[in-house]
C-alpha cells in the first residue's frame, strides 16, 4: 500500500486548546492504530500536524479537518512518500495548559511538552522534522 507523510498547519477557533479534542477526532477518527498516525503540535491557538499513513486514510482525514468548524486556514506544507509510518502512535505536543487539555483527549493519545528534544525523539531527520521544530 502507498504511504505518505503530510505536514499541515492551521488555526483553532480558541487560543487555549478547548477545540483541540474535536480536531484530533476529525483527523484520526476511527482509523487510529490501523492506518494513520501522527503528531499534533499546539501553541497559542495555532496547530501543526504531521500525519502519516495510507494515502486514502490521509485524504479522508484532511477532508474531515476541512469540514471541522473548530479549525481554519488549513495549509499543506509538505507531502512526501514514505515506506511506512516513522512512529506508530498519536501524540500531542502542548506548550501551555498541558494538564487541562490532556484530560479531554482520548487515553491512547500520548501528550508531551512542546520542545525540540521531544519532537526529535518522535520524528526522523528531514523536512517534516524541520517544519515541526520551526513551529516549536
Protein backbone atom coordinates (compact mmCIF):
# COMPACT_ATOMS: atom_id res chain seq x y z
CA UNK A 1 0.00 0.00 0.00
CA UNK A 2 1.16 3.53 -0.74
CA UNK A 3 2.18 5.52 2.34
CA UNK A 4 2.75 9.23 2.63
CA UNK A 5 3.63 11.91 5.15
CA UNK A 6 1.92 15.29 5.20
CA UNK A 7 2.54 18.33 7.35
CA UNK A 8 -0.39 20.71 7.78
CA UNK A 9 -0.86 23.93 9.70
CA UNK A 10 -3.97 25.77 10.78
CA UNK A 11 -5.51 27.90 13.48
CA UNK A 12 -8.04 26.88 16.13
CA UNK A 13 -11.05 28.99 16.99
CA UNK A 14 -9.60 29.44 20.50
CA UNK A 15 -6.12 30.12 21.84
CA UNK A 16 -6.47 27.82 24.87
CA UNK A 17 -6.91 24.43 23.21
CA UNK A 18 -10.54 23.73 24.08
CA UNK A 19 -11.15 22.98 20.39
CA UNK A 20 -8.23 20.57 20.13
CA UNK A 21 -10.08 17.31 21.08
CA UNK A 22 -12.66 17.63 18.27
CA UNK A 23 -9.91 18.48 15.79
CA UNK A 24 -8.00 15.33 16.77
CA UNK A 25 -11.19 13.30 16.41
CA UNK A 26 -11.74 14.79 12.94
CA UNK A 27 -8.19 13.96 11.89
CA UNK A 28 -7.87 10.45 13.27
CA UNK A 29 -11.44 9.32 13.83
CA UNK A 30 -11.66 5.55 13.96
CA UNK A 31 -8.50 4.85 11.94
CA UNK A 32 -6.09 5.40 14.83
CA UNK A 33 -3.82 2.42 15.28
CA UNK A 34 -4.74 0.93 11.92
CA UNK A 35 -3.60 3.16 9.10
CA UNK A 36 -3.00 6.72 10.32
CA UNK A 37 -0.51 8.06 12.84
CA UNK A 38 0.77 11.48 13.69
CA UNK A 39 1.93 14.29 15.85
CA UNK A 40 -0.08 17.40 16.57
CA UNK A 41 1.62 20.47 17.98
CA UNK A 42 -0.46 23.20 19.61
CA UNK A 43 0.58 26.62 20.87
CA UNK A 44 -1.36 29.84 21.33
CA UNK A 45 -4.20 28.87 19.01
CA UNK A 46 -2.01 27.51 16.22
CA UNK A 47 -1.75 23.87 15.19
CA UNK A 48 0.78 21.97 13.13
CA UNK A 49 0.14 18.32 12.31
CA UNK A 50 2.37 15.64 10.88
CA UNK A 51 0.11 12.89 9.55
CA UNK A 52 1.47 9.58 8.22
CA UNK A 53 -0.27 6.61 6.73
CA UNK A 54 -2.02 5.19 3.75
CA UNK A 55 -2.91 7.78 1.13
CA UNK A 56 -6.65 7.11 1.32
CA UNK A 57 -6.68 7.47 5.12
CA UNK A 58 -4.78 10.75 4.89
CA UNK A 59 -7.11 12.15 2.26
CA UNK A 60 -10.09 11.23 4.43
CA UNK A 61 -8.50 12.87 7.49
CA UNK A 62 -7.86 16.11 5.60
CA UNK A 63 -11.45 16.19 4.31
CA UNK A 64 -12.68 15.72 7.89
CA UNK A 65 -10.42 18.53 9.10
CA UNK A 66 -11.66 20.85 6.38
CA UNK A 67 -15.25 20.11 7.42
CA UNK A 68 -14.41 20.76 11.10
CA UNK A 69 -15.62 24.18 12.31
CA UNK A 70 -13.01 24.32 15.09
CA UNK A 71 -10.00 24.80 12.77
CA UNK A 72 -9.49 27.13 9.83
CA UNK A 73 -6.81 28.25 7.41
CA UNK A 74 -5.54 24.71 6.86
CA UNK A 75 -2.49 24.73 4.63
CA UNK A 76 -0.42 21.76 3.47
CA UNK A 77 3.28 22.50 3.94
CA UNK A 78 4.71 19.14 2.90
CA UNK A 79 3.69 15.98 1.12
CA UNK A 80 6.25 13.19 0.68
CA UNK A 81 6.11 9.43 0.11
CA UNK A 82 7.30 7.12 2.89
CA UNK A 83 7.97 3.43 3.33
CA UNK A 84 5.64 3.44 6.33
CA UNK A 85 4.99 5.42 9.49
CA UNK A 86 8.05 6.63 11.37
CA UNK A 87 6.28 6.49 14.74
CA UNK A 88 3.18 4.31 15.18
CA UNK A 89 1.26 6.40 17.67
CA UNK A 90 -0.76 9.56 18.00
CA UNK A 91 0.86 12.23 20.13
CA UNK A 92 0.20 15.85 21.01
CA UNK A 93 2.81 18.41 21.97
CA UNK A 94 1.47 21.24 24.10
CA UNK A 95 3.17 24.49 25.02
CA UNK A 96 0.72 25.53 27.75
CA UNK A 97 -2.32 24.10 29.51
CA UNK A 98 -0.90 20.58 29.15
CA UNK A 99 -2.79 19.02 32.05
CA UNK A 100 -6.07 20.80 31.29
CA UNK A 101 -6.09 19.77 27.63
CA UNK A 102 -4.74 16.24 28.22
CA UNK A 103 -7.68 15.23 30.39
CA UNK A 104 -10.04 15.84 27.43
CA UNK A 105 -8.06 13.72 24.96
CA UNK A 106 -8.59 10.01 24.34
CA UNK A 107 -6.46 7.75 26.54
CA UNK A 108 -4.38 6.38 23.64
CA UNK A 109 -3.06 9.87 22.76
CA UNK A 110 0.44 10.48 24.10
CA UNK A 111 0.85 14.03 25.46
CA UNK A 112 4.24 15.68 25.71
CA UNK A 113 5.68 19.11 26.47
CA UNK A 114 6.30 21.01 23.26
CA UNK A 115 10.10 21.18 22.92
CA UNK A 116 12.76 20.31 20.37
CA UNK A 117 14.02 17.21 22.22
CA UNK A 118 10.56 15.62 22.29
CA UNK A 119 9.98 16.33 18.58
CA UNK A 120 13.35 14.82 17.66
CA UNK A 121 12.52 11.65 19.60
CA UNK A 122 9.30 11.21 17.63
CA UNK A 123 10.37 12.12 14.08
CA UNK A 124 13.12 11.07 11.68
CA UNK A 125 15.53 13.71 10.37
CA UNK A 126 14.22 15.54 7.32
CA UNK A 127 11.90 18.25 6.07
CA UNK A 128 8.96 17.23 8.26
CA UNK A 129 11.06 17.39 11.43
CA UNK A 130 12.46 20.77 10.38
CA UNK A 131 8.94 22.17 9.96
CA UNK A 132 7.85 20.85 13.36
CA UNK A 133 10.97 22.23 15.02
CA UNK A 134 10.30 25.61 13.39
CA UNK A 135 6.83 25.58 14.95
CA UNK A 136 8.20 24.75 18.41
